Structure formats: C-alpha cells, structure tokens
Amino acid sequence: RERDRELGLTYDRPRDWRRARREGSLVLTSPDRAVTLAVSSPGRRVDAAELRRDAIATIRDSYRSVEEVGRAPGRFGQRRTQSVELLGTSSGGRGFRALVIAASGPEKTYVATLFSGRTPSVARLAEARVVLRSMRFTGS
C-alpha cells in the first residue's frame, strides 16, 4: 500500500507501474505507457461534479476534437461517482480516450483522469480500475 502525503490518499499500485509527480498531480503510468492515471486535488473540499466539469474543460482546451462519448456510474475509492468518457486527438494527431471521475473525501475533493489510446488493452484498464478502487482519501 502506498501513501501520497501531499494529496492525502493511499492506494495500491501494480509493481511495474511507474509513479511520478507532475504539477501537483500523482501520475501513474503502465510499463508499456499505454495507460496513464493522473490524480489531483484543489487542496480543499469542493463540489465533485464541478471539479469533474473543470477537468473536462481543461482537456477540451488542451486537445483537438474532444467529444463526450459516454457517462456511467463509477467508483473512485469507496465513493460512488459518475464517470465521463471522452475521445479526442492530440496535437501530434494521435487519438486518445480519457475517463474523468471526481469524488470528495473527508477534507478534499479529488479528480482522476485515465488516459489511453483509442483502443486500450483490457488488461491495462483492469489494472487501472484496481488502482482507482483501492484509493482511500485520508485528507492531508
């Protein structure tokens, strides 16, 4: 079990996934770099749906041809939430898929974005799902 003190959360990470910090976010990347999971928090408790909308707006502003292709119930740690799935194109012309979820813990609200290619590996997505479900929000 790993702990990110800055974000205030614990999680399980597959041994071969890389962990990094980028601009205040925890970034976990599969060994083949096919899937990347970024988790961040504004540092306080805010409306989770609003934070999810802000994250989607950031993706729309950063990439081309981003479209929402689905919404579904999801889980982020022990919290039930709604996931939003997006398809888009990077500046280099590569297609991507992004899944955006947000949930509030006792002290902070968190947003996670799962990036992959357009047709991600089912096995890699299953690993990422385990990480997301394992997250526990400790607050600080």
N, C-alpha and C. Protein backbone atom coordinates (compact mmCIF):
# COMPACT_ATOMS: atom_id res chain seq x y z
N ARG A 1 0.86 -1.18 0.00
CA ARG A 1 0.00 0.00 0.00
C ARG A 1 0.89 1.23 0.00
N GLU A 2 0.60 2.17 -0.85
CA GLU A 2 1.40 3.38 -0.95
C GLU A 2 0.61 4.57 -0.45
N ARG A 3 1.35 5.59 -0.04
CA ARG A 3 0.71 6.78 0.52
C ARG A 3 1.27 8.01 -0.19
N ASP A 4 0.36 8.91 -0.57
CA ASP A 4 0.76 10.20 -1.11
C ASP A 4 0.36 11.23 -0.06
N ARG A 5 1.32 11.69 0.70
CA ARG A 5 1.04 12.62 1.81
C ARG A 5 0.56 13.97 1.29
N GLU A 6 1.12 14.42 0.19
CA GLU A 6 0.74 15.73 -0.35
C GLU A 6 -0.74 15.77 -0.73
N LEU A 7 -1.20 14.71 -1.40
CA LEU A 7 -2.61 14.66 -1.80
C LEU A 7 -3.51 14.18 -0.67
N GLY A 8 -2.96 13.41 0.24
CA GLY A 8 -3.77 12.87 1.32
C GLY A 8 -4.56 11.66 0.87
N LEU A 9 -3.86 10.68 0.28
CA LEU A 9 -4.54 9.45 -0.11
C LEU A 9 -3.58 8.28 -0.08
N THR A 10 -4.16 7.10 0.03
CA THR A 10 -3.40 5.86 -0.07
C THR A 10 -3.99 5.06 -1.23
N TYR A 11 -3.17 4.14 -1.78
CA TYR A 11 -3.61 3.37 -2.94
C TYR A 11 -2.69 2.17 -3.14
N ASP A 12 -3.17 1.24 -3.93
CA ASP A 12 -2.37 0.09 -4.36
C ASP A 12 -1.93 0.34 -5.78
N ARG A 13 -0.64 0.07 -6.06
CA ARG A 13 -0.09 0.29 -7.40
C ARG A 13 0.55 -1.01 -7.87
N PRO A 14 0.23 -1.42 -9.11
CA PRO A 14 0.94 -2.59 -9.65
C PRO A 14 2.45 -2.35 -9.61
N ARG A 15 3.22 -3.34 -9.27
CA ARG A 15 4.66 -3.19 -9.07
C ARG A 15 5.38 -2.60 -10.29
N ASP A 16 4.91 -2.93 -11.47
CA ASP A 16 5.63 -2.48 -12.66
C ASP A 16 5.15 -1.12 -13.19
N TRP A 17 4.18 -0.51 -12.55
CA TRP A 17 3.72 0.82 -12.96
C TRP A 17 4.65 1.87 -12.35
N ARG A 18 4.97 2.90 -13.13
CA ARG A 18 5.81 3.99 -12.65
C ARG A 18 4.97 5.04 -11.93
N ARG A 19 5.58 5.63 -10.92
CA ARG A 19 4.93 6.71 -10.17
C ARG A 19 5.76 7.98 -10.35
N ALA A 20 5.07 9.10 -10.57
CA ALA A 20 5.76 10.39 -10.69
C ALA A 20 4.85 11.48 -10.14
N ARG A 21 5.43 12.66 -9.92
CA ARG A 21 4.66 13.84 -9.52
C ARG A 21 4.83 14.86 -10.64
N ARG A 22 3.72 15.41 -11.11
CA ARG A 22 3.77 16.45 -12.14
C ARG A 22 2.77 17.53 -11.79
N GLU A 23 3.28 18.73 -11.58
CA GLU A 23 2.44 19.89 -11.32
C GLU A 23 1.41 19.62 -10.22
N GLY A 24 1.85 18.98 -9.15
CA GLY A 24 0.97 18.71 -8.02
C GLY A 24 0.12 17.46 -8.15
N SER A 25 0.21 16.79 -9.29
CA SER A 25 -0.58 15.58 -9.52
C SER A 25 0.25 14.32 -9.28
N LEU A 26 -0.41 13.28 -8.82
CA LEU A 26 0.17 11.95 -8.78
C LEU A 26 -0.09 11.34 -10.14
N VAL A 27 0.96 10.86 -10.80
CA VAL A 27 0.82 10.29 -12.14
C VAL A 27 1.36 8.86 -12.11
N LEU A 28 0.50 7.91 -12.44
CA LEU A 28 0.86 6.50 -12.52
C LEU A 28 0.79 6.06 -13.97
N THR A 29 1.85 5.40 -14.45
CA THR A 29 1.92 5.02 -15.86
C THR A 29 2.24 3.54 -15.98
N SER A 30 1.49 2.86 -16.85
CA SER A 30 1.73 1.44 -17.08
C SER A 30 3.11 1.26 -17.73
N PRO A 31 3.72 0.08 -17.58
CA PRO A 31 5.08 -0.12 -18.09
C PRO A 31 5.20 0.07 -19.61
N ASP A 32 4.14 -0.19 -20.34
CA ASP A 32 4.17 0.00 -21.80
C ASP A 32 3.72 1.40 -22.20
N ARG A 33 3.44 2.25 -21.19
CA ARG A 33 3.00 3.64 -21.37
C ARG A 33 1.68 3.74 -22.14
N ALA A 34 0.92 2.67 -22.15
CA ALA A 34 -0.37 2.66 -22.86
C ALA A 34 -1.47 3.31 -22.04
N VAL A 35 -1.30 3.33 -20.72
CA VAL A 35 -2.31 3.89 -19.83
C VAL A 35 -1.63 4.78 -18.79
N THR A 36 -2.20 5.96 -18.60
CA THR A 36 -1.70 6.89 -17.59
C THR A 36 -2.87 7.35 -16.73
N LEU A 37 -2.68 7.32 -15.43
CA LEU A 37 -3.68 7.76 -14.48
C LEU A 37 -3.12 8.95 -13.72
N ALA A 38 -3.81 10.09 -13.81
CA ALA A 38 -3.39 11.30 -13.10
C ALA A 38 -4.44 11.64 -12.05
N VAL A 39 -4.00 11.87 -10.81
CA VAL A 39 -4.90 12.20 -9.71
C VAL A 39 -4.44 13.51 -9.09
N SER A 40 -5.39 14.42 -8.87
CA SER A 40 -5.05 15.70 -8.26
C SER A 40 -6.20 16.17 -7.38
N SER A 41 -5.93 17.26 -6.66
CA SER A 41 -6.93 17.85 -5.78
C SER A 41 -6.69 19.35 -5.72
N PRO A 42 -7.76 20.14 -5.63
CA PRO A 42 -7.55 21.58 -5.45
C PRO A 42 -7.09 21.93 -4.04
N GLY A 43 -6.98 20.92 -3.16
CA GLY A 43 -6.50 21.14 -1.81
C GLY A 43 -7.57 21.42 -0.78
N ARG A 44 -8.80 21.37 -1.20
CA ARG A 44 -9.91 21.60 -0.27
C ARG A 44 -11.11 20.81 -0.80
N ARG A 45 -12.16 20.79 -0.03
CA ARG A 45 -13.38 20.10 -0.44
C ARG A 45 -14.22 21.06 -1.28
N VAL A 46 -14.55 20.63 -2.50
CA VAL A 46 -15.40 21.40 -3.42
C VAL A 46 -16.43 20.44 -4.00
N ASP A 47 -17.34 20.95 -4.80
CA ASP A 47 -18.34 20.11 -5.44
C ASP A 47 -17.66 19.19 -6.46
N ALA A 48 -17.82 17.89 -6.29
CA ALA A 48 -17.15 16.91 -7.16
C ALA A 48 -17.60 17.05 -8.61
N ALA A 49 -18.88 17.27 -8.84
CA ALA A 49 -19.37 17.40 -10.22
C ALA A 49 -18.75 18.63 -10.89
N GLU A 50 -18.60 19.70 -10.14
CA GLU A 50 -17.99 20.91 -10.69
C GLU A 50 -16.51 20.67 -11.01
N LEU A 51 -15.80 19.97 -10.13
CA LEU A 51 -14.39 19.66 -10.38
C LEU A 51 -14.24 18.78 -11.62
N ARG A 52 -15.15 17.81 -11.77
CA ARG A 52 -15.13 16.94 -12.96
C ARG A 52 -15.36 17.78 -14.22
N ARG A 53 -16.34 18.70 -14.18
CA ARG A 53 -16.59 19.58 -15.33
C ARG A 53 -15.37 20.43 -15.66
N ASP A 54 -14.69 20.94 -14.63
CA ASP A 54 -13.47 21.73 -14.87
C ASP A 54 -12.38 20.90 -15.52
N ALA A 55 -12.23 19.65 -15.08
CA ALA A 55 -11.21 18.77 -15.67
C ALA A 55 -11.54 18.48 -17.13
N ILE A 56 -12.81 18.27 -17.43
CA ILE A 56 -13.22 18.04 -18.82
C ILE A 56 -12.95 19.28 -19.66
N ALA A 57 -13.24 20.46 -19.11
CA ALA A 57 -12.99 21.71 -19.85
C ALA A 57 -11.49 21.86 -20.14
N THR A 58 -10.65 21.49 -19.20
CA THR A 58 -9.20 21.57 -19.41
C THR A 58 -8.77 20.65 -20.54
N ILE A 59 -9.32 19.45 -20.57
CA ILE A 59 -9.00 18.52 -21.66
C ILE A 59 -9.47 19.08 -22.98
N ARG A 60 -10.67 19.61 -23.02
CA ARG A 60 -11.20 20.21 -24.26
C ARG A 60 -10.31 21.36 -24.75
N ASP A 61 -9.79 22.15 -23.81
CA ASP A 61 -8.94 23.28 -24.17
C ASP A 61 -7.54 22.85 -24.61
N SER A 62 -7.11 21.66 -24.17
CA SER A 62 -5.74 21.21 -24.42
C SER A 62 -5.59 20.30 -25.63
N TYR A 63 -6.69 19.74 -26.10
CA TYR A 63 -6.63 18.78 -27.21
C TYR A 63 -7.64 19.15 -28.29
N ARG A 64 -7.51 18.50 -29.44
CA ARG A 64 -8.42 18.78 -30.56
C ARG A 64 -9.53 17.74 -30.61
N SER A 65 -10.63 18.17 -31.17
CA SER A 65 -11.75 17.27 -31.49
C SER A 65 -12.18 16.41 -30.32
N VAL A 66 -12.30 16.99 -29.15
CA VAL A 66 -12.71 16.23 -27.97
C VAL A 66 -14.23 16.15 -27.94
N GLU A 67 -14.71 14.93 -27.81
CA GLU A 67 -16.15 14.73 -27.71
C GLU A 67 -16.47 13.77 -26.58
N GLU A 68 -17.58 14.02 -25.92
CA GLU A 68 -18.05 13.12 -24.87
C GLU A 68 -18.75 11.95 -25.54
N VAL A 69 -18.36 10.74 -25.16
CA VAL A 69 -18.96 9.55 -25.78
C VAL A 69 -19.71 8.68 -24.78
N GLY A 70 -19.66 9.05 -23.50
CA GLY A 70 -20.42 8.26 -22.56
C GLY A 70 -20.32 8.76 -21.13
N ARG A 71 -21.34 8.40 -20.36
CA ARG A 71 -21.40 8.64 -18.91
C ARG A 71 -21.89 7.36 -18.28
N ALA A 72 -21.33 7.05 -17.14
CA ALA A 72 -21.74 5.83 -16.46
C ALA A 72 -21.44 5.95 -14.98
N PRO A 73 -22.16 5.19 -14.16
CA PRO A 73 -21.81 5.15 -12.75
C PRO A 73 -20.40 4.57 -12.61
N GLY A 74 -19.66 5.05 -11.63
CA GLY A 74 -18.32 4.54 -11.41
C GLY A 74 -17.96 4.56 -9.95
N ARG A 75 -16.75 4.12 -9.64
CA ARG A 75 -16.25 4.14 -8.27
C ARG A 75 -14.88 4.77 -8.26
N PHE A 76 -14.67 5.62 -7.29
CA PHE A 76 -13.38 6.25 -7.06
C PHE A 76 -13.10 6.00 -5.59
N GLY A 77 -12.21 5.07 -5.32
CA GLY A 77 -12.04 4.62 -3.95
C GLY A 77 -13.32 3.96 -3.50
N GLN A 78 -13.80 4.32 -2.33
CA GLN A 78 -15.05 3.75 -1.82
C GLN A 78 -16.25 4.60 -2.20
N ARG A 79 -16.02 5.65 -2.95
CA ARG A 79 -17.10 6.58 -3.29
C ARG A 79 -17.73 6.22 -4.63
N ARG A 80 -19.06 6.25 -4.64
CA ARG A 80 -19.78 6.11 -5.91
C ARG A 80 -19.75 7.47 -6.60
N THR A 81 -19.56 7.45 -7.90
CA THR A 81 -19.49 8.70 -8.64
C THR A 81 -19.91 8.46 -10.08
N GLN A 82 -19.85 9.48 -10.89
CA GLN A 82 -20.16 9.35 -12.30
C GLN A 82 -18.87 9.51 -13.09
N SER A 83 -18.67 8.63 -14.06
CA SER A 83 -17.51 8.75 -14.93
C SER A 83 -17.96 9.33 -16.27
N VAL A 84 -17.09 10.11 -16.87
CA VAL A 84 -17.36 10.69 -18.18
C VAL A 84 -16.23 10.24 -19.11
N GLU A 85 -16.61 9.67 -20.23
CA GLU A 85 -15.63 9.18 -21.20
C GLU A 85 -15.55 10.13 -22.38
N LEU A 86 -14.31 10.46 -22.75
CA LEU A 86 -14.06 11.39 -23.85
C LEU A 86 -13.17 10.72 -24.90
N LEU A 87 -13.34 11.13 -26.14
CA LEU A 87 -12.42 10.76 -27.22
C LEU A 87 -11.88 12.06 -27.79
N GLY A 88 -10.62 12.06 -28.20
CA GLY A 88 -10.03 13.26 -28.77
C GLY A 88 -8.79 12.93 -29.57
N THR A 89 -8.13 13.99 -29.99
CA THR A 89 -6.92 13.87 -30.79
C THR A 89 -5.85 14.77 -30.20
N SER A 90 -4.64 14.23 -30.04
CA SER A 90 -3.53 15.02 -29.52
C SER A 90 -3.02 15.96 -30.60
N SER A 91 -2.15 16.89 -30.21
CA SER A 91 -1.58 17.83 -31.18
C SER A 91 -0.74 17.09 -32.23
N GLY A 92 -0.25 15.91 -31.86
CA GLY A 92 0.52 15.09 -32.80
C GLY A 92 -0.35 14.22 -33.69
N GLY A 93 -1.67 14.34 -33.55
CA GLY A 93 -2.58 13.58 -34.40
C GLY A 93 -2.96 12.21 -33.88
N ARG A 94 -2.50 11.83 -32.69
CA ARG A 94 -2.85 10.52 -32.13
C ARG A 94 -4.19 10.59 -31.41
N GLY A 95 -5.02 9.61 -31.64
CA GLY A 95 -6.30 9.54 -30.94
C GLY A 95 -6.11 9.08 -29.51
N PHE A 96 -6.95 9.56 -28.62
CA PHE A 96 -6.89 9.13 -27.23
C PHE A 96 -8.29 8.98 -26.68
N ARG A 97 -8.34 8.27 -25.57
CA ARG A 97 -9.56 8.08 -24.78
C ARG A 97 -9.23 8.57 -23.38
N ALA A 98 -10.17 9.26 -22.75
CA ALA A 98 -9.97 9.73 -21.37
C ALA A 98 -11.22 9.43 -20.57
N LEU A 99 -11.03 8.97 -19.38
CA LEU A 99 -12.11 8.73 -18.43
C LEU A 99 -11.87 9.68 -17.26
N VAL A 100 -12.86 10.51 -16.95
CA VAL A 100 -12.71 11.52 -15.90
C VAL A 100 -13.71 11.23 -14.78
N ILE A 101 -13.21 11.17 -13.54
CA ILE A 101 -14.07 10.95 -12.38
C ILE A 101 -13.63 11.89 -11.26
N ALA A 102 -14.52 12.19 -10.36
CA ALA A 102 -14.20 13.02 -9.20
C ALA A 102 -15.01 12.55 -8.01
N ALA A 103 -14.43 12.71 -6.82
CA ALA A 103 -15.14 12.33 -5.59
C ALA A 103 -14.56 13.13 -4.43
N SER A 104 -15.38 13.32 -3.41
CA SER A 104 -14.94 14.05 -2.23
C SER A 104 -14.60 13.10 -1.09
N GLY A 105 -13.50 13.40 -0.43
CA GLY A 105 -13.12 12.71 0.79
C GLY A 105 -13.53 13.57 1.97
N PRO A 106 -13.04 13.24 3.16
CA PRO A 106 -13.43 13.99 4.35
C PRO A 106 -13.00 15.47 4.31
N GLU A 107 -11.85 15.75 3.69
CA GLU A 107 -11.33 17.11 3.70
C GLU A 107 -11.09 17.69 2.31
N LYS A 108 -10.93 16.84 1.31
CA LYS A 108 -10.58 17.30 -0.04
C LYS A 108 -11.45 16.61 -1.08
N THR A 109 -11.51 17.22 -2.24
CA THR A 109 -12.14 16.59 -3.40
C THR A 109 -11.02 16.24 -4.37
N TYR A 110 -11.16 15.09 -5.01
CA TYR A 110 -10.13 14.58 -5.90
C TYR A 110 -10.71 14.37 -7.29
N VAL A 111 -9.87 14.55 -8.29
CA VAL A 111 -10.25 14.24 -9.66
C VAL A 111 -9.19 13.30 -10.23
N ALA A 112 -9.65 12.30 -10.96
CA ALA A 112 -8.73 11.36 -11.62
C ALA A 112 -9.07 11.33 -13.10
N THR A 113 -8.03 11.32 -13.91
CA THR A 113 -8.20 11.20 -15.35
C THR A 113 -7.35 10.03 -15.82
N LEU A 114 -7.99 9.11 -16.49
CA LEU A 114 -7.33 7.93 -17.03
C LEU A 114 -7.20 8.12 -18.53
N PHE A 115 -5.97 8.25 -19.02
CA PHE A 115 -5.70 8.44 -20.45
C PHE A 115 -5.20 7.15 -21.06
N SER A 116 -5.65 6.87 -22.29
CA SER A 116 -5.15 5.72 -23.03
C SER A 116 -5.30 6.01 -24.52
N GLY A 117 -4.83 5.08 -25.33
CA GLY A 117 -5.08 5.17 -26.76
C GLY A 117 -6.56 4.90 -27.02
N ARG A 118 -6.94 5.01 -28.28
CA ARG A 118 -8.36 4.80 -28.62
C ARG A 118 -8.83 3.38 -28.32
N THR A 119 -7.96 2.41 -28.47
CA THR A 119 -8.33 1.01 -28.19
C THR A 119 -7.37 0.44 -27.14
N PRO A 120 -7.61 0.77 -25.89
CA PRO A 120 -6.69 0.36 -24.83
C PRO A 120 -6.76 -1.13 -24.53
N SER A 121 -5.70 -1.64 -23.96
CA SER A 121 -5.63 -3.02 -23.51
C SER A 121 -6.61 -3.25 -22.37
N VAL A 122 -7.40 -4.27 -22.49
CA VAL A 122 -8.36 -4.62 -21.43
C VAL A 122 -7.61 -4.91 -20.13
N ALA A 123 -6.47 -5.58 -20.22
CA ALA A 123 -5.70 -5.92 -19.03
C ALA A 123 -5.18 -4.66 -18.34
N ARG A 124 -4.67 -3.70 -19.11
CA ARG A 124 -4.16 -2.45 -18.52
C ARG A 124 -5.30 -1.65 -17.89
N LEU A 125 -6.45 -1.60 -18.54
CA LEU A 125 -7.59 -0.88 -17.95
C LEU A 125 -8.04 -1.54 -16.66
N ALA A 126 -7.98 -2.87 -16.61
CA ALA A 126 -8.35 -3.58 -15.38
C ALA A 126 -7.38 -3.23 -14.25
N GLU A 127 -6.09 -3.12 -14.57
CA GLU A 127 -5.11 -2.71 -13.55
C GLU A 127 -5.41 -1.30 -13.04
N ALA A 128 -5.71 -0.40 -13.96
CA ALA A 128 -6.03 0.98 -13.57
C ALA A 128 -7.29 1.02 -12.71
N ARG A 129 -8.27 0.21 -13.04
CA ARG A 129 -9.51 0.16 -12.26
C ARG A 129 -9.22 -0.29 -10.82
N VAL A 130 -8.31 -1.27 -10.67
CA VAL A 130 -7.93 -1.73 -9.33
C VAL A 130 -7.29 -0.59 -8.55
N VAL A 131 -6.42 0.18 -9.19
CA VAL A 131 -5.79 1.32 -8.52
C VAL A 131 -6.86 2.31 -8.06
N LEU A 132 -7.76 2.68 -8.97
CA LEU A 132 -8.81 3.64 -8.63
C LEU A 132 -9.67 3.17 -7.47
N ARG A 133 -10.05 1.92 -7.50
CA ARG A 133 -10.92 1.39 -6.44
C ARG A 133 -10.19 1.25 -5.12
N SER A 134 -8.86 1.12 -5.17
CA SER A 134 -8.09 0.95 -3.95
C SER A 134 -7.85 2.27 -3.22
N MET A 135 -8.09 3.39 -3.86
CA MET A 135 -7.77 4.70 -3.28
C MET A 135 -8.63 4.98 -2.05
N ARG A 136 -7.96 5.46 -1.02
CA ARG A 136 -8.62 5.88 0.21
C ARG A 136 -8.20 7.31 0.48
N PHE A 137 -9.17 8.16 0.71
CA PHE A 137 -8.92 9.58 0.91
C PHE A 137 -8.69 9.85 2.38
N THR A 138 -7.47 10.20 2.72
CA THR A 138 -7.12 10.45 4.12
C THR A 138 -7.18 11.92 4.48
N GLY A 139 -7.23 12.79 3.48
CA GLY A 139 -7.42 14.21 3.73
C GLY A 139 -6.16 15.02 3.66
N SER A 140 -5.18 14.75 4.49
CA SER A 140 -3.97 15.58 4.47
C SER A 140 -2.74 14.76 4.78
